[in-house]
Amino acid sequence: RRLMKRKWNMNDPVSFSLEWDRYLNRGGYENLERERA
C-alpha cells in the first residue's frame, strides 16, 4: 500500500532495484530469496 507513496532512490536503475528488493523482501520473504540464491 505504501509503494506508490514512498520516496525511492532514483539515481540509477540498479540502486532503485536494490532498494525496491530490500523494502519488499523482509522477514520470511528475505529468507525465501536467500534460498533462491
PDB file of all heavy atoms in Angstrom:
ATOM      1  N   ARG A   1       0.823  -1.214   0.000  1.00  0.00           N
ATOM      2  CA  ARG A   1       0.000   0.000   0.000  1.00  0.00           C
ATOM      3  C   ARG A   1       0.858   1.266   0.000  1.00  0.00           C
ATOM      4  O   ARG A   1       0.387   2.338  -0.396  1.00  0.00           O
ATOM      5  CB  ARG A   1      -0.909   0.014   1.229  1.00  0.00           C
ATOM      6  CG  ARG A   1      -1.909  -1.136   1.267  1.00  0.00           C
ATOM      7  CD  ARG A   1      -2.736  -1.071   2.544  1.00  0.00           C
ATOM      8  NE  ARG A   1      -3.560  -2.262   2.713  1.00  0.00           N
ATOM      9  CZ  ARG A   1      -4.330  -2.487   3.779  1.00  0.00           C
ATOM     10  NH1 ARG A   1      -4.359  -1.593   4.766  1.00  0.00           N
ATOM     11  NH2 ARG A   1      -5.049  -3.588   3.863  1.00  0.00           N
ATOM     12  N   ARG A   2       2.100   1.141   0.459  1.00  0.00           N
ATOM     13  CA  ARG A   2       2.962   2.317   0.573  1.00  0.00           C
ATOM     14  C   ARG A   2       3.914   2.477  -0.614  1.00  0.00           C
ATOM     15  O   ARG A   2       4.675   3.442  -0.659  1.00  0.00           O
ATOM     16  CB  ARG A   2       3.792   2.218   1.854  1.00  0.00           C
ATOM     17  CG  ARG A   2       2.944   2.090   3.122  1.00  0.00           C
ATOM     18  CD  ARG A   2       3.820   1.845   4.325  1.00  0.00           C
ATOM     19  NE  ARG A   2       3.027   1.608   5.530  1.00  0.00           N
ATOM     20  CZ  ARG A   2       3.324   0.701   6.450  1.00  0.00           C
ATOM     21  NH1 ARG A   2       4.415  -0.041   6.323  1.00  0.00           N
ATOM     22  NH2 ARG A   2       2.551   0.552   7.504  1.00  0.00           N
ATOM     23  N   LEU A   3       3.876   1.549  -1.560  1.00  0.00           N
ATOM     24  CA  LEU A   3       4.848   1.554  -2.653  1.00  0.00           C
ATOM     25  C   LEU A   3       4.796   2.842  -3.468  1.00  0.00           C
ATOM     26  O   LEU A   3       5.836   3.400  -3.832  1.00  0.00           O
ATOM     27  CB  LEU A   3       4.622   0.350  -3.573  1.00  0.00           C
ATOM     28  CG  LEU A   3       5.062  -1.011  -3.022  1.00  0.00           C
ATOM     29  CD1 LEU A   3       4.655  -2.121  -3.981  1.00  0.00           C
ATOM     30  CD2 LEU A   3       6.570  -1.042  -2.803  1.00  0.00           C
ATOM     31  N   MET A   4       3.586   3.321  -3.771  1.00  0.00           N
ATOM     32  CA  MET A   4       3.459   4.497  -4.620  1.00  0.00           C
ATOM     33  C   MET A   4       3.660   5.807  -3.856  1.00  0.00           C
ATOM     34  O   MET A   4       3.770   6.868  -4.458  1.00  0.00           O
ATOM     35  CB  MET A   4       2.087   4.502  -5.302  1.00  0.00           C
ATOM     36  CG  MET A   4       1.850   3.308  -6.223  1.00  0.00           C
ATOM     37  SD  MET A   4       3.079   3.154  -7.544  1.00  0.00           S
ATOM     38  CE  MET A   4       2.648   4.550  -8.576  1.00  0.00           C
ATOM     39  N   LYS A   5       3.692   5.713  -2.533  1.00  0.00           N
ATOM     40  CA  LYS A   5       3.881   6.920  -1.718  1.00  0.00           C
ATOM     41  C   LYS A   5       5.320   7.080  -1.249  1.00  0.00           C
ATOM     42  O   LYS A   5       5.722   8.175  -0.854  1.00  0.00           O
ATOM     43  CB  LYS A   5       2.958   6.873  -0.500  1.00  0.00           C
ATOM     44  CG  LYS A   5       1.474   6.824  -0.844  1.00  0.00           C
ATOM     45  CD  LYS A   5       0.627   6.708   0.412  1.00  0.00           C
ATOM     46  CE  LYS A   5      -0.856   6.626   0.060  1.00  0.00           C
ATOM     47  NZ  LYS A   5      -1.696   6.492   1.285  1.00  0.00           N
ATOM     48  N   ARG A   6       6.076   5.999  -1.288  1.00  0.00           N
ATOM     49  CA  ARG A   6       7.435   6.015  -0.768  1.00  0.00           C
ATOM     50  C   ARG A   6       8.371   6.795  -1.693  1.00  0.00           C
ATOM     51  O   ARG A   6       8.233   6.766  -2.915  1.00  0.00           O
ATOM     52  CB  ARG A   6       7.935   4.571  -0.612  1.00  0.00           C
ATOM     53  CG  ARG A   6       9.328   4.446  -0.028  1.00  0.00           C
ATOM     54  CD  ARG A   6       9.710   2.971   0.074  1.00  0.00           C
ATOM     55  NE  ARG A   6      11.089   2.797   0.431  1.00  0.00           N
ATOM     56  CZ  ARG A   6      11.567   2.803   1.673  1.00  0.00           C
ATOM     57  NH1 ARG A   6      10.736   2.993   2.682  1.00  0.00           N
ATOM     58  NH2 ARG A   6      12.837   2.631   1.911  1.00  0.00           N
ATOM     59  N   LYS A   7       9.342   7.474  -1.103  1.00  0.00           N
ATOM     60  CA  LYS A   7      10.367   8.170  -1.882  1.00  0.00           C
ATOM     61  C   LYS A   7      11.512   7.213  -2.131  1.00  0.00           C
ATOM     62  O   LYS A   7      12.166   6.728  -1.201  1.00  0.00           O
ATOM     63  CB  LYS A   7      10.865   9.406  -1.138  1.00  0.00           C
ATOM     64  CG  LYS A   7      11.849  10.247  -1.953  1.00  0.00           C
ATOM     65  CD  LYS A   7      12.236  11.509  -1.217  1.00  0.00           C
ATOM     66  CE  LYS A   7      13.204  12.342  -2.056  1.00  0.00           C
ATOM     67  NZ  LYS A   7      13.606  13.588  -1.371  1.00  0.00           N
ATOM     68  N   TRP A   8      11.764   6.913  -3.415  1.00  0.00           N
ATOM     69  CA  TRP A   8      12.758   5.907  -3.790  1.00  0.00           C
ATOM     70  C   TRP A   8      14.061   6.549  -4.241  1.00  0.00           C
ATOM     71  O   TRP A   8      14.092   7.705  -4.661  1.00  0.00           O
ATOM     72  CB  TRP A   8      12.211   5.026  -4.916  1.00  0.00           C
ATOM     73  CG  TRP A   8      10.985   4.273  -4.549  1.00  0.00           C
ATOM     74  CD1 TRP A   8       9.690   4.628  -4.809  1.00  0.00           C
ATOM     75  CD2 TRP A   8      10.922   3.045  -3.835  1.00  0.00           C
ATOM     76  NE1 TRP A   8       8.833   3.688  -4.306  1.00  0.00           N
ATOM     77  CE2 TRP A   8       9.550   2.703  -3.700  1.00  0.00           C
ATOM     78  CE3 TRP A   8      11.879   2.187  -3.294  1.00  0.00           C
ATOM     79  CZ2 TRP A   8       9.127   1.549  -3.054  1.00  0.00           C
ATOM     80  CZ3 TRP A   8      11.469   1.034  -2.648  1.00  0.00           C
ATOM     81  CH2 TRP A   8      10.105   0.722  -2.528  1.00  0.00           C
ATOM     82  N   ASN A   9      15.119   5.761  -4.173  1.00  0.00           N
ATOM     83  CA  ASN A   9      16.416   6.172  -4.721  1.00  0.00           C
ATOM     84  C   ASN A   9      16.338   6.044  -6.240  1.00  0.00           C
ATOM     85  O   ASN A   9      16.398   4.938  -6.775  1.00  0.00           O
ATOM     86  CB  ASN A   9      17.519   5.270  -4.155  1.00  0.00           C
ATOM     87  CG  ASN A   9      18.906   5.671  -4.653  1.00  0.00           C
ATOM     88  OD1 ASN A   9      19.044   6.415  -5.626  1.00  0.00           O
ATOM     89  ND2 ASN A   9      19.936   5.162  -4.001  1.00  0.00           N
ATOM     90  N   MET A  10      16.213   7.179  -6.925  1.00  0.00           N
ATOM     91  CA  MET A  10      16.063   7.160  -8.375  1.00  0.00           C
ATOM     92  C   MET A  10      17.337   7.625  -9.082  1.00  0.00           C
ATOM     93  O   MET A  10      17.293   8.134 -10.201  1.00  0.00           O
ATOM     94  CB  MET A  10      14.869   8.035  -8.784  1.00  0.00           C
ATOM     95  CG  MET A  10      13.544   7.632  -8.156  1.00  0.00           C
ATOM     96  SD  MET A  10      13.017   5.943  -8.585  1.00  0.00           S
ATOM     97  CE  MET A  10      12.604   6.151 -10.320  1.00  0.00           C
ATOM     98  N   ASN A  11      18.491   7.458  -8.429  1.00  0.00           N
ATOM     99  CA  ASN A  11      19.755   7.871  -9.038  1.00  0.00           C
ATOM    100  C   ASN A  11      20.080   7.051 -10.279  1.00  0.00           C
ATOM    101  O   ASN A  11      20.616   7.573 -11.260  1.00  0.00           O
ATOM    102  CB  ASN A  11      20.898   7.763  -8.032  1.00  0.00           C
ATOM    103  CG  ASN A  11      20.783   8.784  -6.917  1.00  0.00           C
ATOM    104  OD1 ASN A  11      20.216   9.857  -7.104  1.00  0.00           O
ATOM    105  ND2 ASN A  11      21.312   8.450  -5.753  1.00  0.00           N
ATOM    106  N   ASP A  12      19.789   5.763 -10.228  1.00  0.00           N
ATOM    107  CA  ASP A  12      20.062   4.879 -11.351  1.00  0.00           C
ATOM    108  C   ASP A  12      19.205   3.625 -11.177  1.00  0.00           C
ATOM    109  O   ASP A  12      18.720   3.336 -10.074  1.00  0.00           O
ATOM    110  CB  ASP A  12      21.549   4.523 -11.428  1.00  0.00           C
ATOM    111  CG  ASP A  12      22.040   3.835 -10.173  1.00  0.00           C
ATOM    112  OD1 ASP A  12      21.822   2.608 -10.052  1.00  0.00           O
ATOM    113  OD2 ASP A  12      22.611   4.511  -9.304  1.00  0.00           O
ATOM    114  N   PRO A  13      18.982   2.845 -12.233  1.00  0.00           N
ATOM    115  CA  PRO A  13      18.091   1.693 -12.147  1.00  0.00           C
ATOM    116  C   PRO A  13      18.567   0.598 -11.204  1.00  0.00           C
ATOM    117  O   PRO A  13      17.748  -0.077 -10.580  1.00  0.00           O
ATOM    118  CB  PRO A  13      18.005   1.186 -13.586  1.00  0.00           C
ATOM    119  CG  PRO A  13      19.197   1.750 -14.279  1.00  0.00           C
ATOM    120  CD  PRO A  13      19.460   3.064 -13.621  1.00  0.00           C
ATOM    121  N   VAL A  14      19.869   0.411 -11.072  1.00  0.00           N
ATOM    122  CA  VAL A  14      20.381  -0.626 -10.175  1.00  0.00           C
ATOM    123  C   VAL A  14      20.095  -0.254  -8.726  1.00  0.00           C
ATOM    124  O   VAL A  14      19.598  -1.075  -7.945  1.00  0.00           O
ATOM    125  CB  VAL A  14      21.893  -0.849 -10.390  1.00  0.00           C
ATOM    126  CG1 VAL A  14      22.448  -1.793  -9.314  1.00  0.00           C
ATOM    127  CG2 VAL A  14      22.153  -1.432 -11.777  1.00  0.00           C
ATOM    128  N   SER A  15      20.389   0.989  -8.353  1.00  0.00           N
ATOM    129  CA  SER A  15      20.130   1.438  -6.980  1.00  0.00           C
ATOM    130  C   SER A  15      18.650   1.330  -6.641  1.00  0.00           C
ATOM    131  O   SER A  15      18.279   0.890  -5.544  1.00  0.00           O
ATOM    132  CB  SER A  15      20.597   2.881  -6.795  1.00  0.00           C
ATOM    133  OG  SER A  15      21.990   2.989  -6.977  1.00  0.00           O
ATOM    134  N   PHE A  16      17.799   1.713  -7.583  1.00  0.00           N
ATOM    135  CA  PHE A  16      16.367   1.611  -7.347  1.00  0.00           C
ATOM    136  C   PHE A  16      15.944   0.151  -7.167  1.00  0.00           C
ATOM    137  O   PHE A  16      15.205  -0.178  -6.232  1.00  0.00           O
ATOM    138  CB  PHE A  16      15.570   2.225  -8.503  1.00  0.00           C
ATOM    139  CG  PHE A  16      14.127   1.830  -8.474  1.00  0.00           C
ATOM    140  CD1 PHE A  16      13.261   2.360  -7.522  1.00  0.00           C
ATOM    141  CD2 PHE A  16      13.632   0.896  -9.376  1.00  0.00           C
ATOM    142  CE1 PHE A  16      11.926   1.968  -7.473  1.00  0.00           C
ATOM    143  CE2 PHE A  16      12.303   0.500  -9.336  1.00  0.00           C
ATOM    144  CZ  PHE A  16      11.446   1.036  -8.389  1.00  0.00           C
ATOM    145  N   SER A  17      16.403  -0.727  -8.043  1.00  0.00           N
ATOM    146  CA  SER A  17      16.014  -2.139  -7.972  1.00  0.00           C
ATOM    147  C   SER A  17      16.445  -2.777  -6.660  1.00  0.00           C
ATOM    148  O   SER A  17      15.698  -3.569  -6.064  1.00  0.00           O
ATOM    149  CB  SER A  17      16.609  -2.915  -9.151  1.00  0.00           C
ATOM    150  OG  SER A  17      16.075  -2.463 -10.374  1.00  0.00           O
ATOM    151  N   LEU A  18      17.642  -2.441  -6.190  1.00  0.00           N
ATOM    152  CA  LEU A  18      18.136  -3.000  -4.936  1.00  0.00           C
ATOM    153  C   LEU A  18      17.322  -2.483  -3.754  1.00  0.00           C
ATOM    154  O   LEU A  18      16.991  -3.243  -2.830  1.00  0.00           O
ATOM    155  CB  LEU A  18      19.613  -2.658  -4.758  1.00  0.00           C
ATOM    156  CG  LEU A  18      20.579  -3.304  -5.759  1.00  0.00           C
ATOM    157  CD1 LEU A  18      22.001  -2.811  -5.514  1.00  0.00           C
ATOM    158  CD2 LEU A  18      20.528  -4.822  -5.667  1.00  0.00           C
ATOM    159  N   GLU A  19      16.966  -1.202  -3.768  1.00  0.00           N
ATOM    160  CA  GLU A  19      16.173  -0.642  -2.681  1.00  0.00           C
ATOM    161  C   GLU A  19      14.755  -1.234  -2.688  1.00  0.00           C
ATOM    162  O   GLU A  19      14.200  -1.552  -1.635  1.00  0.00           O
ATOM    163  CB  GLU A  19      16.096   0.874  -2.790  1.00  0.00           C
ATOM    164  CG  GLU A  19      15.353   1.514  -1.620  1.00  0.00           C
ATOM    165  CD  GLU A  19      15.268   3.023  -1.713  1.00  0.00           C
ATOM    166  OE1 GLU A  19      15.788   3.592  -2.699  1.00  0.00           O
ATOM    167  OE2 GLU A  19      14.671   3.639  -0.809  1.00  0.00           O
ATOM    168  N   TRP A  20      14.176  -1.371  -3.863  1.00  0.00           N
ATOM    169  CA  TRP A  20      12.846  -1.979  -4.012  1.00  0.00           C
ATOM    170  C   TRP A  20      12.853  -3.388  -3.426  1.00  0.00           C
ATOM    171  O   TRP A  20      11.956  -3.792  -2.684  1.00  0.00           O
ATOM    172  CB  TRP A  20      12.487  -1.997  -5.484  1.00  0.00           C
ATOM    173  CG  TRP A  20      11.154  -2.591  -5.850  1.00  0.00           C
ATOM    174  CD1 TRP A  20      10.870  -3.914  -6.050  1.00  0.00           C
ATOM    175  CD2 TRP A  20       9.921  -1.890  -6.076  1.00  0.00           C
ATOM    176  NE1 TRP A  20       9.558  -4.080  -6.390  1.00  0.00           N
ATOM    177  CE2 TRP A  20       8.943  -2.853  -6.415  1.00  0.00           C
ATOM    178  CE3 TRP A  20       9.552  -0.552  -6.039  1.00  0.00           C
ATOM    179  CZ2 TRP A  20       7.624  -2.518  -6.710  1.00  0.00           C
ATOM    180  CZ3 TRP A  20       8.238  -0.219  -6.332  1.00  0.00           C
ATOM    181  CH2 TRP A  20       7.290  -1.184  -6.657  1.00  0.00           C
ATOM    182  N   ASP A  21      13.893  -4.143  -3.749  1.00  0.00           N
ATOM    183  CA  ASP A  21      14.012  -5.516  -3.271  1.00  0.00           C
ATOM    184  C   ASP A  21      14.150  -5.562  -1.745  1.00  0.00           C
ATOM    185  O   ASP A  21      13.500  -6.377  -1.082  1.00  0.00           O
ATOM    186  CB  ASP A  21      15.228  -6.172  -3.935  1.00  0.00           C
ATOM    187  CG  ASP A  21      15.432  -7.605  -3.496  1.00  0.00           C
ATOM    188  OD1 ASP A  21      14.627  -8.470  -3.885  1.00  0.00           O
ATOM    189  OD2 ASP A  21      16.393  -7.869  -2.749  1.00  0.00           O
ATOM    190  N   ARG A  22      14.991  -4.693  -1.189  1.00  0.00           N
ATOM    191  CA  ARG A  22      15.184  -4.668   0.263  1.00  0.00           C
ATOM    192  C   ARG A  22      13.899  -4.295   0.995  1.00  0.00           C
ATOM    193  O   ARG A  22      13.609  -4.820   2.075  1.00  0.00           O
ATOM    194  CB  ARG A  22      16.303  -3.692   0.640  1.00  0.00           C
ATOM    195  CG  ARG A  22      17.701  -4.180   0.321  1.00  0.00           C
ATOM    196  CD  ARG A  22      18.748  -3.296   0.991  1.00  0.00           C
ATOM    197  NE  ARG A  22      18.661  -1.916   0.543  1.00  0.00           N
ATOM    198  CZ  ARG A  22      19.357  -1.421  -0.478  1.00  0.00           C
ATOM    199  NH1 ARG A  22      20.187  -2.203  -1.146  1.00  0.00           N
ATOM    200  NH2 ARG A  22      19.240  -0.150  -0.829  1.00  0.00           N
ATOM    201  N   TYR A  23      13.128  -3.388   0.405  1.00  0.00           N
ATOM    202  CA  TYR A  23      11.901  -2.933   1.044  1.00  0.00           C
ATOM    203  C   TYR A  23      10.829  -4.029   1.059  1.00  0.00           C
ATOM    204  O   TYR A  23      10.152  -4.234   2.071  1.00  0.00           O
ATOM    205  CB  TYR A  23      11.364  -1.702   0.320  1.00  0.00           C
ATOM    206  CG  TYR A  23      10.071  -1.176   0.904  1.00  0.00           C
ATOM    207  CD1 TYR A  23      10.059  -0.523   2.136  1.00  0.00           C
ATOM    208  CD2 TYR A  23       8.865  -1.331   0.234  1.00  0.00           C
ATOM    209  CE1 TYR A  23       8.875  -0.037   2.683  1.00  0.00           C
ATOM    210  CE2 TYR A  23       7.680  -0.851   0.767  1.00  0.00           C
ATOM    211  CZ  TYR A  23       7.690  -0.211   1.991  1.00  0.00           C
ATOM    212  OH  TYR A  23       6.514   0.251   2.532  1.00  0.00           O
ATOM    213  N   LEU A  24      10.688  -4.739  -0.037  1.00  0.00           N
ATOM    214  CA  LEU A  24       9.626  -5.745  -0.143  1.00  0.00           C
ATOM    215  C   LEU A  24       9.990  -7.068   0.521  1.00  0.00           C
ATOM    216  O   LEU A  24       9.151  -7.704   1.166  1.00  0.00           O
ATOM    217  CB  LEU A  24       9.283  -5.995  -1.608  1.00  0.00           C
ATOM    218  CG  LEU A  24       8.440  -4.924  -2.303  1.00  0.00           C
ATOM    219  CD1 LEU A  24       8.270  -5.258  -3.776  1.00  0.00           C
ATOM    220  CD2 LEU A  24       7.081  -4.782  -1.632  1.00  0.00           C
ATOM    221  N   ASN A  25      11.226  -7.486   0.363  1.00  0.00           N
ATOM    222  CA  ASN A  25      11.616  -8.817   0.824  1.00  0.00           C
ATOM    223  C   ASN A  25      12.230  -8.760   2.226  1.00  0.00           C
ATOM    224  O   ASN A  25      13.450  -8.761   2.399  1.00  0.00           O
ATOM    225  CB  ASN A  25      12.595  -9.458  -0.170  1.00  0.00           C
ATOM    226  CG  ASN A  25      11.915  -9.774  -1.483  1.00  0.00           C
ATOM    227  OD1 ASN A  25      10.811 -10.309  -1.508  1.00  0.00           O
ATOM    228  ND2 ASN A  25      12.561  -9.431  -2.582  1.00  0.00           N
ATOM    229  N   ARG A  26      11.345  -8.712   3.208  1.00  0.00           N
ATOM    230  CA  ARG A  26      11.741  -8.718   4.610  1.00  0.00           C
ATOM    231  C   ARG A  26      11.203  -9.964   5.294  1.00  0.00           C
ATOM    232  O   ARG A  26      10.310 -10.635   4.790  1.00  0.00           O
ATOM    233  CB  ARG A  26      11.207  -7.473   5.317  1.00  0.00           C
ATOM    234  CG  ARG A  26      11.702  -6.151   4.739  1.00  0.00           C
ATOM    235  CD  ARG A  26      11.099  -4.974   5.476  1.00  0.00           C
ATOM    236  NE  ARG A  26      11.486  -3.689   4.897  1.00  0.00           N
ATOM    237  CZ  ARG A  26      11.071  -2.518   5.346  1.00  0.00           C
ATOM    238  NH1 ARG A  26      10.250  -2.469   6.396  1.00  0.00           N
ATOM    239  NH2 ARG A  26      11.455  -1.400   4.766  1.00  0.00           N
ATOM    240  N   GLY A  27      11.770 -10.268   6.460  1.00  0.00           N
ATOM    241  CA  GLY A  27      11.279 -11.407   7.230  1.00  0.00           C
ATOM    242  C   GLY A  27      11.386 -12.712   6.459  1.00  0.00           C
ATOM    243  O   GLY A  27      12.432 -13.060   5.913  1.00  0.00           O
ATOM    244  N   GLY A  28      10.272 -13.420   6.379  1.00  0.00           N
ATOM    245  CA  GLY A  28      10.260 -14.695   5.674  1.00  0.00           C
ATOM    246  C   GLY A  28      10.565 -14.559   4.200  1.00  0.00           C
ATOM    247  O   GLY A  28      11.162 -15.462   3.596  1.00  0.00           O
ATOM    248  N   TYR A  29      10.187 -13.438   3.602  1.00  0.00           N
ATOM    249  CA  TYR A  29      10.462 -13.235   2.179  1.00  0.00           C
ATOM    250  C   TYR A  29      11.960 -13.073   1.921  1.00  0.00           C
ATOM    251  O   TYR A  29      12.473 -13.497   0.883  1.00  0.00           O
ATOM    252  CB  TYR A  29       9.695 -12.019   1.658  1.00  0.00           C
ATOM    253  CG  TYR A  29       8.217 -12.279   1.521  1.00  0.00           C
ATOM    254  CD1 TYR A  29       7.323 -11.874   2.506  1.00  0.00           C
ATOM    255  CD2 TYR A  29       7.711 -12.959   0.412  1.00  0.00           C
ATOM    256  CE1 TYR A  29       5.959 -12.127   2.390  1.00  0.00           C
ATOM    257  CE2 TYR A  29       6.353 -13.216   0.295  1.00  0.00           C
ATOM    258  CZ  TYR A  29       5.482 -12.798   1.285  1.00  0.00           C
ATOM    259  OH  TYR A  29       4.138 -13.062   1.162  1.00  0.00           O
ATOM    260  N   GLU A  30      12.662 -12.469   2.871  1.00  0.00           N
ATOM    261  CA  GLU A  30      14.117 -12.375   2.751  1.00  0.00           C
ATOM    262  C   GLU A  30      14.740 -13.767   2.806  1.00  0.00           C
ATOM    263  O   GLU A  30      15.661 -14.085   2.047  1.00  0.00           O
ATOM    264  CB  GLU A  30      14.683 -11.502   3.862  1.00  0.00           C
ATOM    265  CG  GLU A  30      16.184 -11.289   3.770  1.00  0.00           C
ATOM    266  CD  GLU A  30      16.719 -10.391   4.857  1.00  0.00           C
ATOM    267  OE1 GLU A  30      15.940 -10.009   5.754  1.00  0.00           O
ATOM    268  OE2 GLU A  30      17.928 -10.083   4.825  1.00  0.00           O
ATOM    269  N   ASN A  31      14.217 -14.613   3.694  1.00  0.00           N
ATOM    270  CA  ASN A  31      14.698 -15.995   3.778  1.00  0.00           C
ATOM    271  C   ASN A  31      14.429 -16.740   2.476  1.00  0.00           C
ATOM    272  O   ASN A  31      15.262 -17.531   2.008  1.00  0.00           O
ATOM    273  CB  ASN A  31      14.021 -16.721   4.936  1.00  0.00           C
ATOM    274  CG  ASN A  31      14.376 -16.138   6.288  1.00  0.00           C
ATOM    275  OD1 ASN A  31      15.415 -15.498   6.449  1.00  0.00           O
ATOM    276  ND2 ASN A  31      13.509 -16.342   7.275  1.00  0.00           N
ATOM    277  N   LEU A  32      13.263 -16.505   1.899  1.00  0.00           N
ATOM    278  CA  LEU A  32      12.897 -17.155   0.650  1.00  0.00           C
ATOM    279  C   LEU A  32      13.864 -16.772  -0.469  1.00  0.00           C
ATOM    280  O   LEU A  32      14.326 -17.639  -1.238  1.00  0.00           O
ATOM    281  CB  LEU A  32      11.464 -16.775   0.280  1.00  0.00           C
ATOM    282  CG  LEU A  32      10.866 -17.420  -0.962  1.00  0.00           C
ATOM    283  CD1 LEU A  32      10.766 -18.934  -0.791  1.00  0.00           C
ATOM    284  CD2 LEU A  32       9.474 -16.837  -1.242  1.00  0.00           C
ATOM    285  N   GLU A  33      14.190 -15.489  -0.571  1.00  0.00           N
ATOM    286  CA  GLU A  33      15.124 -15.040  -1.602  1.00  0.00           C
ATOM    287  C   GLU A  33      16.527 -15.570  -1.348  1.00  0.00           C
ATOM    288  O   GLU A  33      17.277 -15.857  -2.288  1.00  0.00           O
ATOM    289  CB  GLU A  33      15.134 -13.512  -1.671  1.00  0.00           C
ATOM    290  CG  GLU A  33      13.861 -12.910  -2.229  1.00  0.00           C
ATOM    291  CD  GLU A  33      13.531 -13.439  -3.617  1.00  0.00           C
ATOM    292  OE1 GLU A  33      14.441 -13.474  -4.470  1.00  0.00           O
ATOM    293  OE2 GLU A  33      12.376 -13.822  -3.846  1.00  0.00           O
ATOM    294  N   ARG A  34      16.879 -15.737  -0.081  1.00  0.00           N
ATOM    295  CA  ARG A  34      18.176 -16.321   0.254  1.00  0.00           C
ATOM    296  C   ARG A  34      18.250 -17.778  -0.221  1.00  0.00           C
ATOM    297  O   ARG A  34      19.277 -18.232  -0.728  1.00  0.00           O
ATOM    298  CB  ARG A  34      18.421 -16.233   1.757  1.00  0.00           C
ATOM    299  CG  ARG A  34      19.834 -16.645   2.171  1.00  0.00           C
ATOM    300  CD  ARG A  34      20.052 -16.455   3.663  1.00  0.00           C
ATOM    301  NE  ARG A  34      19.938 -15.049   4.039  1.00  0.00           N
ATOM    302  CZ  ARG A  34      19.027 -14.562   4.854  1.00  0.00           C
ATOM    303  NH1 ARG A  34      18.134 -15.358   5.406  1.00  0.00           N
ATOM    304  NH2 ARG A  34      18.994 -13.278   5.154  1.00  0.00           N
ATOM    305  N   GLU A  35      17.138 -18.495  -0.063  1.00  0.00           N
ATOM    306  CA  GLU A  35      17.082 -19.877  -0.543  1.00  0.00           C
ATOM    307  C   GLU A  35      17.193 -19.930  -2.064  1.00  0.00           C
ATOM    308  O   GLU A  35      17.818 -20.838  -2.615  1.00  0.00           O
ATOM    309  CB  GLU A  35      15.786 -20.539  -0.080  1.00  0.00           C
ATOM    310  CG  GLU A  35      15.720 -20.821   1.414  1.00  0.00           C
ATOM    311  CD  GLU A  35      16.819 -21.743   1.883  1.00  0.00           C
ATOM    312  OE1 GLU A  35      17.121 -22.720   1.165  1.00  0.00           O
ATOM    313  OE2 GLU A  35      17.403 -21.484   2.952  1.00  0.00           O
ATOM    314  N   ARG A  36      16.583 -18.962  -2.737  1.00  0.00           N
ATOM    315  CA  ARG A  36      16.705 -18.891  -4.199  1.00  0.00           C
ATOM    316  C   ARG A  36      18.166 -18.706  -4.597  1.00  0.00           C
ATOM    317  O   ARG A  36      18.655 -19.372  -5.514  1.00  0.00           O
ATOM    318  CB  ARG A  36      15.884 -17.729  -4.758  1.00  0.00           C
ATOM    319  CG  ARG A  36      14.388 -17.964  -4.838  1.00  0.00           C
ATOM    320  CD  ARG A  36      13.711 -16.826  -5.589  1.00  0.00           C
ATOM    321  NE  ARG A  36      14.136 -16.773  -6.971  1.00  0.00           N
ATOM    322  CZ  ARG A  36      14.495 -15.663  -7.617  1.00  0.00           C
ATOM    323  NH1 ARG A  36      14.525 -14.503  -6.988  1.00  0.00           N
ATOM    324  NH2 ARG A  36      14.850 -15.716  -8.896  1.00  0.00           N
ATOM    325  N   ALA A  37      18.850 -17.797  -3.919  1.00  0.00           N
ATOM    326  CA  ALA A  37      20.255 -17.535  -4.245  1.00  0.00           C
ATOM    327  C   ALA A  37      21.104 -18.786  -4.028  1.00  0.00           C
ATOM    328  O   ALA A  37      21.961 -19.119  -4.857  1.00  0.00           O
ATOM    329  CB  ALA A  37      20.775 -16.377  -3.403  1.00  0.00           C
TER     330      ALA A  37
END
